[in-house]
Amino acid sequence: MSANNVYKKLQAVRHEFVMANVKKTGKNKFAGYEYFELGDFIPTLHRMFDAVGLIGVVGFNTTEAKLTVYNSEVPEESIVFTSPLVFASNPKGQAIQDLGSTHTYMRRYLWLLAMEITEHDSVDSSAPSNKPEPKAEVKAEPKAEPKAEPKAEVKTEKPEDQAMFVTKMIEHALIAEDRAGLTDLWKSNQKQIDILKSGNVEQYTKLQQAFAEIKTNLGEA
């Protein structure tokens, strides 16, 4: 392996990228955090890769997405980054649109992985886990009521899981093409939403307000 090998070059670019202080333009206004869009960092990385003699090639198969970083001066040297392929889904969108969203998401995540770029952690930033617990205990007491046991069981879900669910729902809602698609998304997740409504009012309110705003932005059906 050459003295200026692919590992050394990649590490040099990682360091240079941190120093470049590239700005995040993606904004999740409902969950309150910023994130990197693909276009925020790809032009910068291409310039940095070209300067040191690296090239990144993204590929997909039916189960896996892959980013291979080659040493352009010694093409036999490469580093491979892989991830299971998860398809984006929009109930009212066309298959080709889902495919395009999948490619965009997976390219973004592969580059974040290769460059060790840190992003927002929706689990660590979720509400403290001690908030819903008192509600669960109160609802479990009236055992004679038919709905008491299911409600108690619902409240045992971790708040961080509920916060993650809300974040994912909002992300899918933002790519809905019309109000009908937004309604279908809500109905297809009605069971989990009902669980959220009875056990975590704060997160349910956030989800409800987000859908209301998105619905307004979509205009008349």
C-alpha atoms as a PDB file:
ATOM      1  CA  MET A   1       0.000   0.000   0.000  1.00  0.00           C
ATOM      2  CA  SER A   2       1.290   3.463  -0.917  1.00  0.00           C
ATOM      3  CA  ALA A   3       2.589   5.888   1.699  1.00  0.00           C
ATOM      4  CA  ASN A   4      -0.172   8.332   0.779  1.00  0.00           C
ATOM      5  CA  ASN A   5      -2.794   5.605   0.821  1.00  0.00           C
ATOM      6  CA  VAL A   6      -6.578   5.751   0.687  1.00  0.00           C
ATOM      7  CA  TYR A   7      -6.952   5.671   4.481  1.00  0.00           C
ATOM      8  CA  LYS A   8      -4.570   8.563   5.009  1.00  0.00           C
ATOM      9  CA  LYS A   9      -6.250  10.602   2.286  1.00  0.00           C
ATOM     10  CA  LEU A  10      -9.756   9.981   3.642  1.00  0.00           C
ATOM     11  CA  GLN A  11      -8.708  10.975   7.156  1.00  0.00           C
ATOM     12  CA  ALA A  12      -7.147  14.169   5.782  1.00  0.00           C
ATOM     13  CA  VAL A  13     -10.421  15.069   4.056  1.00  0.00           C
ATOM     14  CA  ARG A  14     -12.414  14.337   7.235  1.00  0.00           C
ATOM     15  CA  HIS A  15     -10.221  16.753   9.150  1.00  0.00           C
ATOM     16  CA  GLU A  16     -10.404  19.407   6.433  1.00  0.00           C
ATOM     17  CA  PHE A  17     -14.197  19.091   6.250  1.00  0.00           C
ATOM     18  CA  VAL A  18     -14.541  19.767   9.982  1.00  0.00           C
ATOM     19  CA  MET A  19     -12.371  22.843   9.620  1.00  0.00           C
ATOM     20  CA  ALA A  20     -14.475  24.053   6.662  1.00  0.00           C
ATOM     21  CA  ASN A  21     -17.472  24.583   8.988  1.00  0.00           C
ATOM     22  CA  VAL A  22     -20.037  23.674   6.324  1.00  0.00           C
ATOM     23  CA  LYS A  23     -23.491  24.995   7.264  1.00  0.00           C
ATOM     24  CA  LYS A  24     -26.627  22.880   7.603  1.00  0.00           C
ATOM     25  CA  THR A  25     -29.605  24.179   5.614  1.00  0.00           C
ATOM     26  CA  GLY A  26     -32.102  21.415   6.358  1.00  0.00           C
ATOM     27  CA  LYS A  27     -34.568  22.417   9.081  1.00  0.00           C
ATOM     28  CA  ASN A  28     -37.078  20.256  10.946  1.00  0.00           C
ATOM     29  CA  LYS A  29     -39.172  23.049  12.443  1.00  0.00           C
ATOM     30  CA  PHE A  30     -41.494  20.656  14.247  1.00  0.00           C
ATOM     31  CA  ALA A  31     -38.806  18.677  16.084  1.00  0.00           C
ATOM     32  CA  GLY A  32     -36.597  21.759  16.382  1.00  0.00           C
ATOM     33  CA  TYR A  33     -33.279  20.732  14.837  1.00  0.00           C
ATOM     34  CA  GLU A  34     -31.151  21.365  11.742  1.00  0.00           C
ATOM     35  CA  TYR A  35     -29.584  18.724   9.502  1.00  0.00           C
ATOM     36  CA  PHE A  36     -27.349  18.395   6.449  1.00  0.00           C
ATOM     37  CA  GLU A  37     -29.033  18.289   3.074  1.00  0.00           C
ATOM     38  CA  LEU A  38     -27.111  16.321   0.437  1.00  0.00           C
ATOM     39  CA  GLY A  39     -26.398  19.527  -1.458  1.00  0.00           C
ATOM     40  CA  ASP A  40     -24.873  21.175   1.624  1.00  0.00           C
ATOM     41  CA  PHE A  41     -21.751  19.051   1.620  1.00  0.00           C
ATOM     42  CA  ILE A  42     -21.426  17.171  -1.698  1.00  0.00           C
ATOM     43  CA  PRO A  43     -19.845  20.092  -3.674  1.00  0.00           C
ATOM     44  CA  THR A  44     -17.359  20.715  -0.846  1.00  0.00           C
ATOM     45  CA  LEU A  45     -16.458  17.035  -0.567  1.00  0.00           C
ATOM     46  CA  HIS A  46     -15.953  16.709  -4.324  1.00  0.00           C
ATOM     47  CA  ARG A  47     -13.437  19.563  -4.252  1.00  0.00           C
ATOM     48  CA  MET A  48     -11.630  18.077  -1.252  1.00  0.00           C
ATOM     49  CA  PHE A  49     -11.604  14.566  -2.751  1.00  0.00           C
ATOM     50  CA  ASP A  50     -10.239  15.844  -6.061  1.00  0.00           C
ATOM     51  CA  ALA A  51      -7.492  17.801  -4.286  1.00  0.00           C
ATOM     52  CA  VAL A  52      -6.081  14.696  -2.520  1.00  0.00           C
ATOM     53  CA  GLY A  53      -6.858  12.116  -5.206  1.00  0.00           C
ATOM     54  CA  LEU A  54      -9.988  10.364  -3.942  1.00  0.00           C
ATOM     55  CA  ILE A  55     -13.264   9.493  -5.642  1.00  0.00           C
ATOM     56  CA  GLY A  56     -16.509   8.172  -4.129  1.00  0.00           C
ATOM     57  CA  VAL A  57     -18.805   5.825  -6.053  1.00  0.00           C
ATOM     58  CA  VAL A  58     -22.322   5.015  -4.779  1.00  0.00           C
ATOM     59  CA  GLY A  59     -24.125   1.832  -5.795  1.00  0.00           C
ATOM     60  CA  PHE A  60     -27.309  -0.070  -4.929  1.00  0.00           C
ATOM     61  CA  ASN A  61     -28.644  -3.586  -5.155  1.00  0.00           C
ATOM     62  CA  THR A  62     -31.935  -5.040  -3.917  1.00  0.00           C
ATOM     63  CA  THR A  63     -30.850  -5.219  -0.273  1.00  0.00           C
ATOM     64  CA  GLU A  64     -27.870  -2.932   0.201  1.00  0.00           C
ATOM     65  CA  ALA A  65     -26.549   0.563  -0.516  1.00  0.00           C
ATOM     66  CA  LYS A  66     -22.783   0.969  -0.903  1.00  0.00           C
ATOM     67  CA  LEU A  67     -20.278   3.825  -1.079  1.00  0.00           C
ATOM     68  CA  THR A  68     -16.782   2.890  -2.271  1.00  0.00           C
ATOM     69  CA  VAL A  69     -13.994   5.438  -1.774  1.00  0.00           C
ATOM     70  CA  TYR A  70     -11.120   4.850  -4.228  1.00  0.00           C
ATOM     71  CA  ASN A  71      -7.585   6.206  -4.268  1.00  0.00           C
ATOM     72  CA  SER A  72      -7.624   7.629  -7.804  1.00  0.00           C
ATOM     73  CA  GLU A  73      -3.815   7.425  -7.974  1.00  0.00           C
ATOM     74  CA  VAL A  74      -3.837   3.750  -6.949  1.00  0.00           C
ATOM     75  CA  PRO A  75      -7.310   2.444  -7.937  1.00  0.00           C
ATOM     76  CA  GLU A  76      -6.658  -0.918  -6.266  1.00  0.00           C
ATOM     77  CA  GLU A  77      -6.908   0.853  -2.905  1.00  0.00           C
ATOM     78  CA  SER A  78     -10.459   1.418  -1.683  1.00  0.00           C
ATOM     79  CA  ILE A  79     -12.646   1.615   1.422  1.00  0.00           C
ATOM     80  CA  VAL A  80     -16.235   0.333   1.283  1.00  0.00           C
ATOM     81  CA  PHE A  81     -19.133   1.647   3.387  1.00  0.00           C
ATOM     82  CA  THR A  82     -22.434  -0.247   3.316  1.00  0.00           C
ATOM     83  CA  SER A  83     -25.928   0.046   4.756  1.00  0.00           C
ATOM     84  CA  PRO A  84     -29.090  -2.084   4.518  1.00  0.00           C
ATOM     85  CA  LEU A  85     -31.411  -0.625   1.892  1.00  0.00           C
ATOM     86  CA  VAL A  86     -34.611   0.841   3.390  1.00  0.00           C
ATOM     87  CA  PHE A  87     -37.191   2.128   0.921  1.00  0.00           C
ATOM     88  CA  ALA A  88     -38.969   5.458   1.401  1.00  0.00           C
ATOM     89  CA  SER A  89     -42.745   5.188   1.236  1.00  0.00           C
ATOM     90  CA  ASN A  90     -45.364   7.755   0.252  1.00  0.00           C
ATOM     91  CA  PRO A  91     -48.890   6.210   0.155  1.00  0.00           C
ATOM     92  CA  LYS A  92     -50.051   8.593  -2.571  1.00  0.00           C
ATOM     93  CA  GLY A  93     -46.788   8.859  -4.493  1.00  0.00           C
ATOM     94  CA  GLN A  94     -45.639   6.906  -7.536  1.00  0.00           C
ATOM     95  CA  ALA A  95     -43.091   4.096  -7.316  1.00  0.00           C
ATOM     96  CA  ILE A  96     -40.466   6.126  -9.176  1.00  0.00           C
ATOM     97  CA  GLN A  97     -40.847   8.942  -6.634  1.00  0.00           C
ATOM     98  CA  ASP A  98     -40.306   6.495  -3.767  1.00  0.00           C
ATOM     99  CA  LEU A  99     -37.201   5.219  -5.566  1.00  0.00           C
ATOM    100  CA  GLY A 100     -35.844   8.733  -5.995  1.00  0.00           C
ATOM    101  CA  SER A 101     -36.409   9.521  -2.313  1.00  0.00           C
ATOM    102  CA  THR A 102     -34.733   6.253  -1.342  1.00  0.00           C
ATOM    103  CA  HIS A 103     -31.635   7.024  -3.418  1.00  0.00           C
ATOM    104  CA  THR A 104     -31.390  10.547  -1.974  1.00  0.00           C
ATOM    105  CA  TYR A 105     -31.753   9.387   1.629  1.00  0.00           C
ATOM    106  CA  MET A 106     -29.321   6.494   1.249  1.00  0.00           C
ATOM    107  CA  ARG A 107     -26.665   8.602  -0.541  1.00  0.00           C
ATOM    108  CA  ARG A 108     -26.898  11.156   2.248  1.00  0.00           C
ATOM    109  CA  TYR A 109     -26.541   8.566   5.008  1.00  0.00           C
ATOM    110  CA  LEU A 110     -23.631   6.807   3.279  1.00  0.00           C
ATOM    111  CA  TRP A 111     -21.681  10.045   2.947  1.00  0.00           C
ATOM    112  CA  LEU A 112     -22.417  10.968   6.567  1.00  0.00           C
ATOM    113  CA  LEU A 113     -21.107   7.537   7.536  1.00  0.00           C
ATOM    114  CA  ALA A 114     -17.959   7.757   5.422  1.00  0.00           C
ATOM    115  CA  MET A 115     -17.087  11.251   6.593  1.00  0.00           C
ATOM    116  CA  GLU A 116     -18.133  10.605  10.224  1.00  0.00           C
ATOM    117  CA  ILE A 117     -20.393  13.647  10.103  1.00  0.00           C
ATOM    118  CA  THR A 118     -22.488  13.980  13.236  1.00  0.00           C
ATOM    119  CA  GLU A 119     -26.213  14.640  13.057  1.00  0.00           C
ATOM    120  CA  HIS A 120     -29.122  15.309  15.429  1.00  0.00           C
ATOM    121  CA  ASP A 121     -30.002  12.351  17.692  1.00  0.00           C
ATOM    122  CA  SER A 122     -33.790  12.320  18.132  1.00  0.00           C
ATOM    123  CA  VAL A 123     -33.604   9.631  20.840  1.00  0.00           C
ATOM    124  CA  ASP A 124     -31.168  11.459  23.120  1.00  0.00           C
ATOM    125  CA  SER A 125     -33.062  14.723  22.674  1.00  0.00           C
ATOM    126  CA  SER A 126     -36.494  13.286  23.515  1.00  0.00           C
ATOM    127  CA  ALA A 127     -38.487  14.227  26.590  1.00  0.00           C
ATOM    128  CA  PRO A 128     -37.326  12.840  29.996  1.00  0.00           C
ATOM    129  CA  SER A 129     -38.610   9.341  30.606  1.00  0.00           C
ATOM    130  CA  ASN A 130     -40.134  10.145  33.991  1.00  0.00           C
ATOM    131  CA  LYS A 131     -42.986  12.277  32.631  1.00  0.00           C
ATOM    132  CA  PRO A 132     -45.496   9.632  31.439  1.00  0.00           C
ATOM    133  CA  GLU A 133     -44.913   7.192  34.318  1.00  0.00           C
ATOM    134  CA  PRO A 134     -47.313   8.793  36.838  1.00  0.00           C
ATOM    135  CA  LYS A 135     -50.078   8.744  34.207  1.00  0.00           C
ATOM    136  CA  ALA A 136     -49.555   5.044  33.601  1.00  0.00           C
ATOM    137  CA  GLU A 137     -49.957   4.240  37.294  1.00  0.00           C
ATOM    138  CA  VAL A 138     -53.127   6.314  37.611  1.00  0.00           C
ATOM    139  CA  LYS A 139     -54.810   4.722  34.587  1.00  0.00           C
ATOM    140  CA  ALA A 140     -53.973   1.194  35.728  1.00  0.00           C
ATOM    141  CA  GLU A 141     -55.845   1.503  39.057  1.00  0.00           C
ATOM    142  CA  PRO A 142     -59.531   1.188  37.938  1.00  0.00           C
ATOM    143  CA  LYS A 143     -59.202  -2.475  36.895  1.00  0.00           C
ATOM    144  CA  ALA A 144     -62.967  -2.905  36.771  1.00  0.00           C
ATOM    145  CA  GLU A 145     -63.213  -0.646  33.731  1.00  0.00           C
ATOM    146  CA  PRO A 146     -62.894  -2.525  30.399  1.00  0.00           C
ATOM    147  CA  LYS A 147     -60.398  -0.052  28.955  1.00  0.00           C
ATOM    148  CA  ALA A 148     -58.207   0.288  32.019  1.00  0.00           C
ATOM    149  CA  GLU A 149     -55.817  -2.591  31.256  1.00  0.00           C
ATOM    150  CA  PRO A 150     -55.116  -1.647  27.623  1.00  0.00           C
ATOM    151  CA  LYS A 151     -54.435   1.936  28.674  1.00  0.00           C
ATOM    152  CA  ALA A 152     -51.996   0.808  31.329  1.00  0.00           C
ATOM    153  CA  GLU A 153     -50.264  -1.355  28.787  1.00  0.00           C
ATOM    154  CA  VAL A 154     -50.058   1.556  26.355  1.00  0.00           C
ATOM    155  CA  LYS A 155     -48.413   3.801  28.950  1.00  0.00           C
ATOM    156  CA  THR A 156     -45.533   1.370  29.383  1.00  0.00           C
ATOM    157  CA  GLU A 157     -44.146   2.401  25.987  1.00  0.00           C
ATOM    158  CA  LYS A 158     -40.939   4.397  26.304  1.00  0.00           C
ATOM    159  CA  PRO A 159     -41.309   8.146  25.686  1.00  0.00           C
ATOM    160  CA  GLU A 160     -38.186   8.151  23.519  1.00  0.00           C
ATOM    161  CA  ASP A 161     -39.863   5.622  21.194  1.00  0.00           C
ATOM    162  CA  GLN A 162     -42.929   7.859  21.005  1.00  0.00           C
ATOM    163  CA  ALA A 163     -40.777  10.906  20.221  1.00  0.00           C
ATOM    164  CA  MET A 164     -39.052   8.952  17.437  1.00  0.00           C
ATOM    165  CA  PHE A 165     -42.474   7.921  16.045  1.00  0.00           C
ATOM    166  CA  VAL A 166     -43.621  11.557  15.966  1.00  0.00           C
ATOM    167  CA  THR A 167     -40.434  12.652  14.201  1.00  0.00           C
ATOM    168  CA  LYS A 168     -40.782   9.945  11.539  1.00  0.00           C
ATOM    169  CA  MET A 169     -44.474  10.741  11.020  1.00  0.00           C
ATOM    170  CA  ILE A 170     -43.678  14.415  10.437  1.00  0.00           C
ATOM    171  CA  GLU A 171     -40.873  13.541   8.004  1.00  0.00           C
ATOM    172  CA  HIS A 172     -43.272  11.391   5.939  1.00  0.00           C
ATOM    173  CA  ALA A 173     -45.997  14.047   6.154  1.00  0.00           C
ATOM    174  CA  LEU A 174     -43.637  16.665   4.727  1.00  0.00           C
ATOM    175  CA  ILE A 175     -43.314  14.693   1.479  1.00  0.00           C
ATOM    176  CA  ALA A 176     -47.072  14.135   1.061  1.00  0.00           C
ATOM    177  CA  GLU A 177     -48.260  15.437  -2.302  1.00  0.00           C
ATOM    178  CA  ASP A 178     -51.807  16.319  -1.269  1.00  0.00           C
ATOM    179  CA  ARG A 179     -54.271  16.284   1.603  1.00  0.00           C
ATOM    180  CA  ALA A 180     -55.508  12.813   0.672  1.00  0.00           C
ATOM    181  CA  GLY A 181     -52.005  11.430   1.097  1.00  0.00           C
ATOM    182  CA  LEU A 182     -51.724  13.178   4.446  1.00  0.00           C
ATOM    183  CA  THR A 183     -55.021  11.648   5.575  1.00  0.00           C
ATOM    184  CA  ASP A 184     -53.963   8.170   4.440  1.00  0.00           C
ATOM    185  CA  LEU A 185     -50.720   8.495   6.396  1.00  0.00           C
ATOM    186  CA  TRP A 186     -52.637   9.422   9.558  1.00  0.00           C
ATOM    187  CA  LYS A 187     -55.181   6.598   9.139  1.00  0.00           C
ATOM    188  CA  SER A 188     -52.521   3.966   8.454  1.00  0.00           C
ATOM    189  CA  ASN A 189     -50.889   4.833  11.787  1.00  0.00           C
ATOM    190  CA  GLN A 190     -54.132   5.398  13.738  1.00  0.00           C
ATOM    191  CA  LYS A 191     -53.433   2.703  16.321  1.00  0.00           C
ATOM    192  CA  GLN A 192     -50.063   4.167  17.310  1.00  0.00           C
ATOM    193  CA  ILE A 193     -51.516   7.689  17.268  1.00  0.00           C
ATOM    194  CA  ASP A 194     -54.269   6.616  19.677  1.00  0.00           C
ATOM    195  CA  ILE A 195     -51.601   5.156  21.947  1.00  0.00           C
ATOM    196  CA  LEU A 196     -49.736   8.451  21.793  1.00  0.00           C
ATOM    197  CA  LYS A 197     -52.895  10.469  22.503  1.00  0.00           C
ATOM    198  CA  SER A 198     -53.694   8.532  25.665  1.00  0.00           C
ATOM    199  CA  GLY A 199     -50.140   8.292  26.993  1.00  0.00           C
ATOM    200  CA  ASN A 200     -48.105  11.288  25.837  1.00  0.00           C
ATOM    201  CA  VAL A 201     -50.193  14.423  25.348  1.00  0.00           C
ATOM    202  CA  GLU A 202     -47.159  16.598  24.631  1.00  0.00           C
ATOM    203  CA  GLN A 203     -45.979  14.494  21.683  1.00  0.00           C
ATOM    204  CA  TYR A 204     -49.543  13.985  20.407  1.00  0.00           C
ATOM    205  CA  THR A 205     -50.114  17.752  20.395  1.00  0.00           C
ATOM    206  CA  LYS A 206     -46.862  18.289  18.489  1.00  0.00           C
ATOM    207  CA  LEU A 207     -47.923  15.715  15.880  1.00  0.00           C
ATOM    208  CA  GLN A 208     -51.433  17.139  15.572  1.00  0.00           C
ATOM    209  CA  GLN A 209     -50.186  20.697  15.139  1.00  0.00           C
ATOM    210  CA  ALA A 210     -47.603  19.620  12.563  1.00  0.00           C
ATOM    211  CA  PHE A 211     -50.211  17.790  10.466  1.00  0.00           C
ATOM    212  CA  ALA A 212     -52.574  20.761  10.708  1.00  0.00           C
ATOM    213  CA  GLU A 213     -49.888  23.141   9.421  1.00  0.00           C
ATOM    214  CA  ILE A 214     -48.820  20.791   6.637  1.00  0.00           C
ATOM    215  CA  LYS A 215     -52.464  20.331   5.626  1.00  0.00           C
ATOM    216  CA  THR A 216     -52.865  24.108   5.418  1.00  0.00           C
ATOM    217  CA  ASN A 217     -49.731  24.412   3.292  1.00  0.00           C
ATOM    218  CA  LEU A 218     -51.020  21.753   0.893  1.00  0.00           C
ATOM    219  CA  GLY A 219     -54.093  23.908   0.192  1.00  0.00           C
ATOM    220  CA  GLU A 220     -57.437  22.580  -0.968  1.00  0.00           C
ATOM    221  CA  ALA A 221     -57.573  18.960  -2.081  1.00  0.00           C
END
